[in-house]
């Protein structure tokens, strides 16, 4: 009982904060947010709001809307050129998922799940449209069937690939040949958006291991419909190269802290791989919910230095 009264008080205070000050997300640290119970007060407040809505709907005689959608079947209303195994895997994945009823789930299924499968098979201009048929509904779950129509368009292959600096006065740190090796497609291969994404991630890791923590790469596409080719020019914004500044560590035992500090020495060029490897190699000795979000970066762009704050403190237990 005390908990609900406390939550109502918290909700009132939150409204006051939202109305009278800067956004609350800017005032609560990520560590504090991780330590909120249930897993956070915001989630419990949302549940309370849903309870109120359900009671209002029941009082008005209207059935409460189901909170979860499950896809029982997926049909395609015409021939498709996606390999059978890929299409079957897509359908199986959709049938295993659940969706929040009011989350815009159908748009997500169309734009992400279905479209991505065709994009990775070279259908660069695919346009899927899905319609929903309700099979059954109860207060908790709605079961549906999807019928998908696809305008596949042409199936494209990879054309030329190039890299350029976004700043003509700042040449690329790495050569075109080094960067090209990160894209696991050869000219003439079926275009795969997923492989392009993987190459961009690999570029970010490469630059991040050499101090370029604000690196951004933007792919620019040139489409040749006559040859069914898509050429790529990847524009690279390298930004500033940073060296390690001050290091603060909270919540580690002395041996682990010494190990971490031995890998990140002040004035060395910052290497993000060292942090990633430390978290991976020492996972069993770290709190179970530790991730890169436990690390704060404080940049001094003028000096090219980045201060690092590692906070591995565990959440305090709630007093009953």
Protein backbone atom coordinates (compact mmCIF):
# COMPACT_ATOMS: atom_id res chain seq x y z
CA UNK A 1 0.00 0.00 0.00
CA UNK A 2 2.86 2.31 0.86
CA UNK A 3 4.37 1.60 -2.52
CA UNK A 4 1.33 2.77 -4.49
CA UNK A 5 1.04 5.89 -2.36
CA UNK A 6 4.72 6.54 -2.97
CA UNK A 7 4.22 6.08 -6.70
CA UNK A 8 1.31 8.51 -6.79
CA UNK A 9 3.44 11.04 -4.94
CA UNK A 10 6.29 10.40 -7.41
CA UNK A 11 3.93 10.82 -10.37
CA UNK A 12 2.73 14.16 -9.01
CA UNK A 13 6.32 15.30 -8.48
CA UNK A 14 7.26 14.18 -12.00
CA UNK A 15 4.46 16.24 -13.52
CA UNK A 16 5.64 19.22 -11.50
CA UNK A 17 9.21 18.75 -12.70
CA UNK A 18 8.13 18.43 -16.32
CA UNK A 19 6.14 21.65 -16.09
CA UNK A 20 8.60 23.69 -14.06
CA UNK A 21 12.08 22.67 -15.21
CA UNK A 22 14.21 21.25 -17.98
CA UNK A 23 13.46 17.73 -19.32
CA UNK A 24 13.74 15.10 -16.62
CA UNK A 25 15.94 12.90 -18.83
CA UNK A 26 18.60 15.60 -18.62
CA UNK A 27 18.48 15.57 -14.81
CA UNK A 28 18.69 11.86 -14.01
CA UNK A 29 21.99 10.09 -14.61
CA UNK A 30 22.02 6.84 -16.54
CA UNK A 31 23.28 5.03 -13.45
CA UNK A 32 20.33 6.27 -11.37
CA UNK A 33 17.93 5.36 -14.16
CA UNK A 34 19.35 1.82 -14.18
CA UNK A 35 18.75 1.53 -10.46
CA UNK A 36 15.08 2.50 -10.49
CA UNK A 37 12.89 -0.43 -9.35
CA UNK A 38 10.36 -2.54 -11.27
CA UNK A 39 12.61 -2.10 -13.46
CA UNK A 40 11.79 1.60 -13.25
CA UNK A 41 9.11 3.74 -11.66
CA UNK A 42 8.13 4.90 -15.13
CA UNK A 43 7.17 1.34 -16.09
CA UNK A 44 5.02 0.88 -13.00
CA UNK A 45 3.37 4.23 -13.57
CA UNK A 46 2.57 3.13 -17.13
CA UNK A 47 0.98 -0.03 -15.75
CA UNK A 48 -1.11 2.02 -13.34
CA UNK A 49 -2.23 4.22 -16.22
CA UNK A 50 -3.29 1.11 -18.17
CA UNK A 51 -5.29 -0.10 -15.17
CA UNK A 52 -7.14 3.20 -15.01
CA UNK A 53 -7.88 3.11 -18.74
CA UNK A 54 -9.20 -0.45 -18.46
CA UNK A 55 -11.49 0.52 -15.57
CA UNK A 56 -12.83 3.51 -17.51
CA UNK A 57 -13.50 1.34 -20.55
CA UNK A 58 -15.26 -1.28 -18.42
CA UNK A 59 -17.42 1.38 -16.77
CA UNK A 60 -18.41 2.71 -20.20
CA UNK A 61 -19.30 -0.77 -21.38
CA UNK A 62 -16.56 -0.84 -24.03
CA UNK A 63 -14.20 -3.84 -24.18
CA UNK A 64 -10.60 -3.11 -23.20
CA UNK A 65 -8.23 -3.13 -26.16
CA UNK A 66 -5.84 -6.13 -26.24
CA UNK A 67 -2.28 -5.21 -25.31
CA UNK A 68 -0.46 -7.83 -27.40
CA UNK A 69 -0.64 -8.87 -31.07
CA UNK A 70 0.47 -12.29 -32.29
CA UNK A 71 0.89 -13.14 -36.00
CA UNK A 72 -0.44 -16.64 -36.67
CA UNK A 73 -0.02 -16.69 -40.45
CA UNK A 74 1.69 -14.75 -43.25
CA UNK A 75 0.58 -15.06 -46.88
CA UNK A 76 1.93 -13.44 -50.05
CA UNK A 77 -0.69 -12.50 -52.62
CA UNK A 78 1.52 -13.07 -55.66
CA UNK A 79 4.76 -14.65 -56.84
CA UNK A 80 7.99 -13.47 -55.22
CA UNK A 81 11.63 -13.91 -56.19
CA UNK A 82 13.02 -14.29 -52.69
CA UNK A 83 14.60 -17.74 -52.12
CA UNK A 84 12.13 -20.10 -50.45
CA UNK A 85 14.39 -20.73 -47.46
CA UNK A 86 14.77 -16.98 -46.81
CA UNK A 87 11.03 -16.37 -47.10
CA UNK A 88 10.22 -19.28 -44.78
CA UNK A 89 12.73 -18.01 -42.22
CA UNK A 90 11.14 -14.55 -42.35
CA UNK A 91 7.66 -15.98 -41.77
CA UNK A 92 8.89 -18.15 -38.88
CA UNK A 93 10.55 -15.14 -37.21
CA UNK A 94 7.39 -13.02 -37.52
CA UNK A 95 5.26 -15.78 -36.02
CA UNK A 96 7.59 -16.07 -33.03
CA UNK A 97 7.38 -12.36 -32.17
CA UNK A 98 4.79 -10.45 -30.18
CA UNK A 99 3.89 -6.79 -30.65
CA UNK A 100 2.35 -4.07 -28.54
CA UNK A 101 -1.10 -3.36 -29.98
CA UNK A 102 -0.70 0.42 -30.04
CA UNK A 103 2.97 0.53 -31.06
CA UNK A 104 2.61 0.96 -34.83
CA UNK A 105 3.69 -2.66 -35.19
CA UNK A 106 2.32 -3.13 -38.72
CA UNK A 107 4.45 -0.26 -40.06
CA UNK A 108 7.46 -1.82 -38.32
CA UNK A 109 6.79 -5.21 -39.89
CA UNK A 110 6.45 -3.68 -43.36
CA UNK A 111 9.35 -1.24 -43.21
CA UNK A 112 11.84 -3.31 -41.22
CA UNK A 113 11.21 -7.05 -41.18
CA UNK A 114 9.73 -7.62 -44.64
CA UNK A 115 11.54 -4.89 -46.55
CA UNK A 116 14.92 -5.83 -45.06
CA UNK A 117 14.62 -9.41 -46.31
CA UNK A 118 14.18 -8.18 -49.90
CA UNK A 119 16.83 -5.47 -49.57
CA UNK A 120 19.40 -8.11 -48.63
CA UNK A 121 18.54 -10.01 -51.81
CA UNK A 122 19.19 -7.03 -54.11
CA UNK A 123 15.65 -5.62 -54.38
CA UNK A 124 16.74 -2.08 -53.61
CA UNK A 125 13.39 -0.44 -54.44
CA UNK A 126 11.02 -3.02 -52.92
CA UNK A 127 7.73 -1.61 -51.57
CA UNK A 128 5.78 -4.02 -49.33
CA UNK A 129 2.18 -3.48 -48.23
CA UNK A 130 0.58 -5.68 -45.56
CA UNK A 131 -3.06 -5.98 -44.61
CA UNK A 132 -4.36 -7.48 -41.37
CA UNK A 133 -7.14 -9.98 -40.82
CA UNK A 134 -8.17 -10.55 -37.20
CA UNK A 135 -8.51 -14.23 -36.33
CA UNK A 136 -9.47 -13.94 -32.66
CA UNK A 137 -9.38 -11.43 -29.84
CA UNK A 138 -9.47 -11.69 -26.07
CA UNK A 139 -8.73 -9.07 -23.39
CA UNK A 140 -4.99 -9.82 -23.49
CA UNK A 141 -4.08 -11.03 -26.99
CA UNK A 142 -5.21 -10.46 -30.55
CA UNK A 143 -4.33 -13.17 -33.11
CA UNK A 144 -3.99 -11.97 -36.70
CA UNK A 145 -3.09 -13.10 -40.19
CA UNK A 146 -1.07 -10.95 -42.61
CA UNK A 147 -1.45 -10.77 -46.36
CA UNK A 148 1.58 -9.15 -47.98
CA UNK A 149 1.68 -7.52 -51.40
CA UNK A 150 5.10 -6.76 -52.84
CA UNK A 151 6.24 -4.47 -55.61
CA UNK A 152 9.70 -5.97 -55.85
CA UNK A 153 11.15 -3.82 -58.60
CA UNK A 154 14.50 -4.71 -60.18
CA UNK A 155 17.04 -6.96 -58.52
CA UNK A 156 20.26 -4.95 -58.30
CA UNK A 157 23.92 -5.89 -58.13
CA UNK A 158 26.83 -3.96 -56.71
CA UNK A 159 28.62 -1.54 -59.04
CA UNK A 160 31.63 0.63 -58.22
CA UNK A 161 32.62 1.41 -54.62
CA UNK A 162 34.57 4.50 -53.54
CA UNK A 163 35.45 6.45 -50.40
CA UNK A 164 36.00 10.16 -49.94
CA UNK A 165 36.53 12.62 -47.11
CA UNK A 166 33.69 14.98 -46.30
CA UNK A 167 36.35 17.67 -45.85
CA UNK A 168 38.48 18.16 -48.99
CA UNK A 169 41.27 19.64 -46.83
CA UNK A 170 41.39 16.53 -44.60
CA UNK A 171 42.61 13.44 -46.50
CA UNK A 172 41.46 10.00 -45.39
CA UNK A 173 43.50 8.40 -42.62
CA UNK A 174 43.06 4.97 -44.20
CA UNK A 175 43.49 4.18 -47.87
CA UNK A 176 40.64 3.25 -50.21
CA UNK A 177 42.11 -0.26 -50.39
CA UNK A 178 42.02 -0.70 -46.58
CA UNK A 179 38.44 0.54 -46.36
CA UNK A 180 37.27 -1.47 -49.38
CA UNK A 181 38.32 -4.72 -47.65
CA UNK A 182 35.70 -4.06 -44.97
CA UNK A 183 32.83 -4.41 -47.47
CA UNK A 184 32.23 -8.13 -47.95
CA UNK A 185 30.85 -7.79 -51.48
CA UNK A 186 32.56 -7.79 -54.85
CA UNK A 187 31.42 -5.90 -57.91
CA UNK A 188 28.61 -7.87 -59.52
CA UNK A 189 27.42 -9.51 -56.30
CA UNK A 190 23.75 -9.15 -55.37
CA UNK A 191 23.38 -5.94 -53.44
CA UNK A 192 22.93 -6.55 -49.70
CA UNK A 193 22.00 -3.64 -47.48
CA UNK A 194 22.91 -5.73 -44.44
CA UNK A 195 26.48 -6.17 -45.71
CA UNK A 196 26.74 -2.43 -46.33
CA UNK A 197 25.60 -1.84 -42.75
CA UNK A 198 28.19 -4.34 -41.49
CA UNK A 199 30.90 -2.51 -43.44
CA UNK A 200 29.89 0.83 -41.90
CA UNK A 201 30.04 -0.75 -38.43
CA UNK A 202 33.49 -2.16 -39.22
CA UNK A 203 34.65 1.29 -40.34
CA UNK A 204 33.38 2.79 -37.09
CA UNK A 205 35.30 0.19 -35.08
CA UNK A 206 38.46 0.77 -37.14
CA UNK A 207 38.35 4.53 -36.69
CA UNK A 208 37.33 4.17 -33.04
CA UNK A 209 40.44 2.06 -32.40
CA UNK A 210 42.55 5.00 -33.61
CA UNK A 211 40.97 7.74 -31.53
CA UNK A 212 38.28 8.95 -33.96
CA UNK A 213 35.36 8.47 -31.58
CA UNK A 214 32.99 10.85 -33.42
CA UNK A 215 33.56 9.29 -36.85
CA UNK A 216 30.53 9.21 -39.20
CA UNK A 217 30.22 7.46 -42.57
CA UNK A 218 27.40 8.24 -45.01
CA UNK A 219 26.71 5.93 -47.99
CA UNK A 220 25.64 7.71 -51.18
CA UNK A 221 24.03 5.52 -53.84
CA UNK A 222 24.08 5.93 -57.62
CA UNK A 223 21.42 3.77 -59.28
CA UNK A 224 21.76 2.54 -62.88
CA UNK A 225 18.41 0.98 -63.82
CA UNK A 226 19.59 0.01 -67.32
CA UNK A 227 22.35 -2.21 -65.93
CA UNK A 228 20.54 -2.97 -62.63
CA UNK A 229 23.60 -1.75 -60.75
CA UNK A 230 23.97 0.35 -57.58
CA UNK A 231 27.32 2.09 -57.11
CA UNK A 232 28.42 3.34 -53.69
CA UNK A 233 30.35 6.39 -52.61
CA UNK A 234 30.93 6.35 -48.87
CA UNK A 235 31.56 9.83 -47.53
CA UNK A 236 33.71 9.81 -44.40
CA UNK A 237 33.57 12.51 -41.73
CA UNK A 238 36.60 11.59 -39.64
CA UNK A 239 36.22 14.34 -37.00
CA UNK A 240 38.86 14.88 -34.30
CA UNK A 241 41.38 12.30 -33.14
CA UNK A 242 41.35 12.00 -29.34
CA UNK A 243 43.90 10.94 -26.77
CA UNK A 244 43.14 9.59 -23.31
CA UNK A 245 42.79 12.22 -20.59
CA UNK A 246 41.71 11.70 -16.98
CA UNK A 247 40.33 8.28 -15.98
CA UNK A 248 37.88 7.76 -13.11
CA UNK A 249 36.79 4.27 -12.02
CA UNK A 250 34.02 3.46 -9.52
CA UNK A 251 32.87 0.09 -8.23
CA UNK A 252 35.75 -2.18 -9.35
CA UNK A 253 37.94 -4.23 -7.06
CA UNK A 254 41.57 -2.98 -6.95
CA UNK A 255 42.94 -5.75 -9.19
CA UNK A 256 40.43 -5.14 -11.97
CA UNK A 257 40.83 -1.39 -11.70
CA UNK A 258 44.59 -1.73 -12.05
CA UNK A 259 44.10 -3.97 -15.10
CA UNK A 260 41.76 -1.43 -16.72
CA UNK A 261 44.13 1.47 -16.05
CA UNK A 262 47.04 -0.51 -17.51
CA UNK A 263 45.18 -0.67 -20.83
CA UNK A 264 44.17 3.01 -21.01
CA UNK A 265 47.12 5.26 -20.24
CA UNK A 266 46.80 9.06 -20.23
CA UNK A 267 48.08 10.72 -23.43
CA UNK A 268 47.83 7.48 -25.45
CA UNK A 269 45.65 7.57 -28.56
CA UNK A 270 42.20 6.43 -27.47
CA UNK A 271 41.38 2.87 -28.57
CA UNK A 272 37.76 1.80 -28.11
CA UNK A 273 38.69 -1.86 -28.74
CA UNK A 274 40.58 -1.91 -25.43
CA UNK A 275 37.37 -1.07 -23.54
CA UNK A 276 35.26 -3.55 -25.52
CA UNK A 277 37.80 -6.34 -24.93
CA UNK A 278 38.03 -5.52 -21.21
CA UNK A 279 34.24 -5.77 -20.79
CA UNK A 280 34.16 -9.07 -22.73
CA UNK A 281 37.15 -10.73 -21.12
CA UNK A 282 36.11 -9.81 -17.56
CA UNK A 283 32.36 -10.29 -17.93
CA UNK A 284 32.17 -12.92 -15.19
CA UNK A 285 33.79 -10.56 -12.66
CA UNK A 286 31.67 -7.50 -13.50
CA UNK A 287 28.08 -6.72 -12.45
CA UNK A 288 25.65 -8.66 -14.68
CA UNK A 289 24.08 -5.57 -16.27
CA UNK A 290 27.31 -3.80 -17.21
CA UNK A 291 27.59 -2.45 -20.76
CA UNK A 292 29.13 0.44 -22.68
CA UNK A 293 26.41 2.63 -21.13
CA UNK A 294 28.41 2.49 -17.88
CA UNK A 295 31.10 4.63 -19.52
CA UNK A 296 30.89 8.39 -19.86
CA UNK A 297 33.02 10.30 -22.37
CA UNK A 298 33.87 13.93 -21.65
CA UNK A 299 35.53 15.50 -24.67
CA UNK A 300 37.84 18.49 -24.79
CA UNK A 301 37.78 19.07 -28.54
CA UNK A 302 40.21 21.98 -28.46
CA UNK A 303 42.90 19.84 -26.76
CA UNK A 304 41.90 16.61 -28.46
CA UNK A 305 41.53 14.84 -25.09
CA UNK A 306 38.74 12.64 -23.76
CA UNK A 307 38.20 12.01 -20.04
CA UNK A 308 36.68 8.62 -19.19
CA UNK A 309 34.42 7.81 -16.26
CA UNK A 310 33.71 4.12 -15.59
CA UNK A 311 30.88 3.48 -13.15
CA UNK A 312 30.50 -0.19 -12.24
CA UNK A 313 28.69 0.40 -8.95
CA UNK A 314 25.82 -2.01 -8.40
CA UNK A 315 22.31 -0.82 -7.63
CA UNK A 316 21.53 -0.52 -3.90
CA UNK A 317 18.88 -2.86 -2.55
CA UNK A 318 15.48 -1.30 -1.94
CA UNK A 319 14.46 -0.96 1.65
CA UNK A 320 11.31 -2.93 2.38
